[in-house]
Amino acid sequence: QVQLVESGGGLVQPGGSLRLSCVASGFISSRYVMGWYRQAPGKQRELVAEISAGGTINYADSVKGRFTISRDDTKTTVYLQMNSLKPEDTASYYCHAERSAWPYYNYWGQGTQVTVSS
């Protein structure tokens, strides 16, 4: 059974930090691009950051210099370290996995809420 289970969300003040974790199971996550997306109320889901199987990283411009994505394939886990959080970072954050080669299976987690507010 394929699962992506996120954790680490919560309420934090502006300028604070959170670290999200996503544990993958039921598939060989080391062969997948792992990523974090977010969706705020009334907005489309958007890419936050992704990391390829080879370690190539891509960030949304809005989070460059503040967020860091990493992966530990020995633990089938991907992380998102979020620093200098802003109110506009408030959203549900979703873990995503997409196979690096055909067939391009992809999976989503259930999401974890991040709220940045004073």
C-alpha atoms as a PDB file:
ATOM      1  CA  GLN A   1       0.000   0.000   0.000  1.00  0.00           C
ATOM      2  CA  VAL A   2       1.475   3.303  -1.121  1.00  0.00           C
ATOM      3  CA  GLN A   3       1.556   5.987   1.554  1.00  0.00           C
ATOM      4  CA  LEU A   4       3.047   9.424   2.012  1.00  0.00           C
ATOM      5  CA  VAL A   5       2.610  10.583   5.587  1.00  0.00           C
ATOM      6  CA  GLU A   6       3.416  14.191   6.433  1.00  0.00           C
ATOM      7  CA  SER A   7       4.095  15.618   9.858  1.00  0.00           C
ATOM      8  CA  GLY A   8       5.534  18.732  11.453  1.00  0.00           C
ATOM      9  CA  GLY A   9       2.952  21.345  10.633  1.00  0.00           C
ATOM     10  CA  GLY A  10       1.532  23.728  13.176  1.00  0.00           C
ATOM     11  CA  LEU A  11       1.109  27.309  14.286  1.00  0.00           C
ATOM     12  CA  VAL A  12       4.186  29.508  14.307  1.00  0.00           C
ATOM     13  CA  GLN A  13       4.831  33.225  14.645  1.00  0.00           C
ATOM     14  CA  PRO A  14       6.214  35.249  11.745  1.00  0.00           C
ATOM     15  CA  GLY A  15       9.956  34.796  11.548  1.00  0.00           C
ATOM     16  CA  GLY A  16       9.758  31.365  13.108  1.00  0.00           C
ATOM     17  CA  SER A  17      10.746  27.956  11.791  1.00  0.00           C
ATOM     18  CA  LEU A  18       9.175  24.576  11.181  1.00  0.00           C
ATOM     19  CA  ARG A  19      10.447  21.335   9.741  1.00  0.00           C
ATOM     20  CA  LEU A  20       8.079  19.153   7.768  1.00  0.00           C
ATOM     21  CA  SER A  21       8.713  15.460   7.262  1.00  0.00           C
ATOM     22  CA  CYS A  22       7.207  13.041   4.772  1.00  0.00           C
ATOM     23  CA  VAL A  23       7.680   9.313   5.187  1.00  0.00           C
ATOM     24  CA  ALA A  24       7.128   7.201   2.096  1.00  0.00           C
ATOM     25  CA  SER A  25       6.142   3.554   2.072  1.00  0.00           C
ATOM     26  CA  GLY A  26       4.879   0.997  -0.399  1.00  0.00           C
ATOM     27  CA  PHE A  27       7.140   2.057  -3.244  1.00  0.00           C
ATOM     28  CA  ILE A  28      10.836   2.608  -3.946  1.00  0.00           C
ATOM     29  CA  SER A  29      11.009   6.297  -3.124  1.00  0.00           C
ATOM     30  CA  SER A  30      14.688   6.529  -4.066  1.00  0.00           C
ATOM     31  CA  ARG A  31      13.572   6.277  -7.716  1.00  0.00           C
ATOM     32  CA  TYR A  32      11.193   9.200  -7.397  1.00  0.00           C
ATOM     33  CA  VAL A  33      11.322  12.969  -7.513  1.00  0.00           C
ATOM     34  CA  MET A  34      10.078  14.013  -4.094  1.00  0.00           C
ATOM     35  CA  GLY A  35       8.467  17.368  -3.601  1.00  0.00           C
ATOM     36  CA  TRP A  36       6.436  19.661  -1.419  1.00  0.00           C
ATOM     37  CA  TYR A  37       3.440  21.585  -2.688  1.00  0.00           C
ATOM     38  CA  ARG A  38       1.152  23.936  -0.838  1.00  0.00           C
ATOM     39  CA  GLN A  39      -2.365  25.216  -1.227  1.00  0.00           C
ATOM     40  CA  ALA A  40      -3.835  28.220   0.507  1.00  0.00           C
ATOM     41  CA  PRO A  41      -7.612  28.761   0.730  1.00  0.00           C
ATOM     42  CA  GLY A  42      -8.973  29.973  -2.580  1.00  0.00           C
ATOM     43  CA  LYS A  43      -5.687  29.442  -4.388  1.00  0.00           C
ATOM     44  CA  GLN A  44      -4.272  26.783  -6.665  1.00  0.00           C
ATOM     45  CA  ARG A  45      -1.846  24.210  -5.406  1.00  0.00           C
ATOM     46  CA  GLU A  46       1.704  25.314  -6.134  1.00  0.00           C
ATOM     47  CA  LEU A  47       5.131  23.753  -6.086  1.00  0.00           C
ATOM     48  CA  VAL A  48       7.268  24.782  -3.130  1.00  0.00           C
ATOM     49  CA  ALA A  49      10.349  22.639  -3.640  1.00  0.00           C
ATOM     50  CA  GLU A  50      11.371  19.356  -5.206  1.00  0.00           C
ATOM     51  CA  ILE A  51      14.423  17.135  -5.142  1.00  0.00           C
ATOM     52  CA  SER A  52      15.280  14.541  -7.754  1.00  0.00           C
ATOM     53  CA  ALA A  53      16.614  11.077  -7.135  1.00  0.00           C
ATOM     54  CA  GLY A  54      20.051  12.428  -8.020  1.00  0.00           C
ATOM     55  CA  GLY A  55      19.761  15.375  -5.656  1.00  0.00           C
ATOM     56  CA  THR A  56      18.889  18.158  -8.105  1.00  0.00           C
ATOM     57  CA  ILE A  57      16.775  20.743  -6.275  1.00  0.00           C
ATOM     58  CA  ASN A  58      14.244  23.260  -7.478  1.00  0.00           C
ATOM     59  CA  TYR A  59      12.566  25.953  -5.368  1.00  0.00           C
ATOM     60  CA  ALA A  60       9.732  28.347  -5.932  1.00  0.00           C
ATOM     61  CA  ASP A  61      11.047  31.905  -6.081  1.00  0.00           C
ATOM     62  CA  SER A  62       8.931  32.843  -3.080  1.00  0.00           C
ATOM     63  CA  VAL A  63      10.803  30.462  -0.767  1.00  0.00           C
ATOM     64  CA  LYS A  64      14.369  30.644  -2.104  1.00  0.00           C
ATOM     65  CA  GLY A  65      16.823  31.401   0.677  1.00  0.00           C
ATOM     66  CA  ARG A  66      14.291  30.526   3.394  1.00  0.00           C
ATOM     67  CA  PHE A  67      13.296  26.907   2.770  1.00  0.00           C
ATOM     68  CA  THR A  68      15.528  23.863   2.354  1.00  0.00           C
ATOM     69  CA  ILE A  69      14.448  20.520   0.972  1.00  0.00           C
ATOM     70  CA  SER A  70      16.402  17.358   1.663  1.00  0.00           C
ATOM     71  CA  ARG A  71      15.916  13.627   1.470  1.00  0.00           C
ATOM     72  CA  ASP A  72      17.193  10.605   3.338  1.00  0.00           C
ATOM     73  CA  ASP A  73      16.540   7.562   1.211  1.00  0.00           C
ATOM     74  CA  THR A  74      17.734   5.236   3.968  1.00  0.00           C
ATOM     75  CA  LYS A  75      14.712   6.444   5.926  1.00  0.00           C
ATOM     76  CA  THR A  76      12.476   6.936   2.846  1.00  0.00           C
ATOM     77  CA  THR A  77      11.878  10.451   4.146  1.00  0.00           C
ATOM     78  CA  VAL A  78      11.907  13.897   2.621  1.00  0.00           C
ATOM     79  CA  TYR A  79      12.160  17.034   4.712  1.00  0.00           C
ATOM     80  CA  LEU A  80      11.296  20.671   4.284  1.00  0.00           C
ATOM     81  CA  GLN A  81      13.073  23.035   6.642  1.00  0.00           C
ATOM     82  CA  MET A  82      11.194  26.325   6.668  1.00  0.00           C
ATOM     83  CA  ASN A  83      12.853  29.380   8.193  1.00  0.00           C
ATOM     84  CA  SER A  84      11.866  33.047   8.349  1.00  0.00           C
ATOM     85  CA  LEU A  85       8.246  32.094   7.903  1.00  0.00           C
ATOM     86  CA  LYS A  86       5.801  34.715   6.699  1.00  0.00           C
ATOM     87  CA  PRO A  87       2.016  34.930   6.992  1.00  0.00           C
ATOM     88  CA  GLU A  88       1.796  34.290   3.249  1.00  0.00           C
ATOM     89  CA  ASP A  89       3.374  30.875   3.818  1.00  0.00           C
ATOM     90  CA  THR A  90       0.162  29.817   5.541  1.00  0.00           C
ATOM     91  CA  ALA A  91      -1.256  26.845   3.641  1.00  0.00           C
ATOM     92  CA  SER A  92      -1.768  23.130   3.635  1.00  0.00           C
ATOM     93  CA  TYR A  93       1.498  21.494   2.630  1.00  0.00           C
ATOM     94  CA  TYR A  94       1.434  18.294   0.609  1.00  0.00           C
ATOM     95  CA  CYS A  95       4.137  15.752  -0.049  1.00  0.00           C
ATOM     96  CA  HIS A  96       4.350  14.486  -3.621  1.00  0.00           C
ATOM     97  CA  ALA A  97       6.275  11.713  -5.314  1.00  0.00           C
ATOM     98  CA  GLU A  98       6.715  11.217  -9.052  1.00  0.00           C
ATOM     99  CA  ARG A  99       8.631   8.345 -10.601  1.00  0.00           C
ATOM    100  CA  SER A 100      11.708   9.564 -12.457  1.00  0.00           C
ATOM    101  CA  ALA A 101      11.142   7.353 -15.495  1.00  0.00           C
ATOM    102  CA  TRP A 102       8.207   5.797 -17.347  1.00  0.00           C
ATOM    103  CA  PRO A 103       5.724   4.816 -16.073  1.00  0.00           C
ATOM    104  CA  TYR A 104       5.405   8.158 -14.339  1.00  0.00           C
ATOM    105  CA  TYR A 105       3.422   7.079 -11.308  1.00  0.00           C
ATOM    106  CA  ASN A 106       2.767   9.854  -8.835  1.00  0.00           C
ATOM    107  CA  TYR A 107       1.380   9.974  -5.331  1.00  0.00           C
ATOM    108  CA  TRP A 108       0.141  12.576  -2.859  1.00  0.00           C
ATOM    109  CA  GLY A 109       0.086  12.764   0.899  1.00  0.00           C
ATOM    110  CA  GLN A 110      -2.901  13.951   2.902  1.00  0.00           C
ATOM    111  CA  GLY A 111      -1.320  17.266   3.807  1.00  0.00           C
ATOM    112  CA  THR A 112      -0.258  19.080   6.945  1.00  0.00           C
ATOM    113  CA  GLN A 113      -1.391  22.557   7.929  1.00  0.00           C
ATOM    114  CA  VAL A 114       1.083  25.366   8.436  1.00  0.00           C
ATOM    115  CA  THR A 115      -0.233  28.587   9.927  1.00  0.00           C
ATOM    116  CA  VAL A 116       1.997  31.619  10.342  1.00  0.00           C
ATOM    117  CA  SER A 117       0.356  34.185  12.576  1.00  0.00           C
ATOM    118  CA  SER A 118       1.080  36.378  15.556  1.00  0.00           C
END
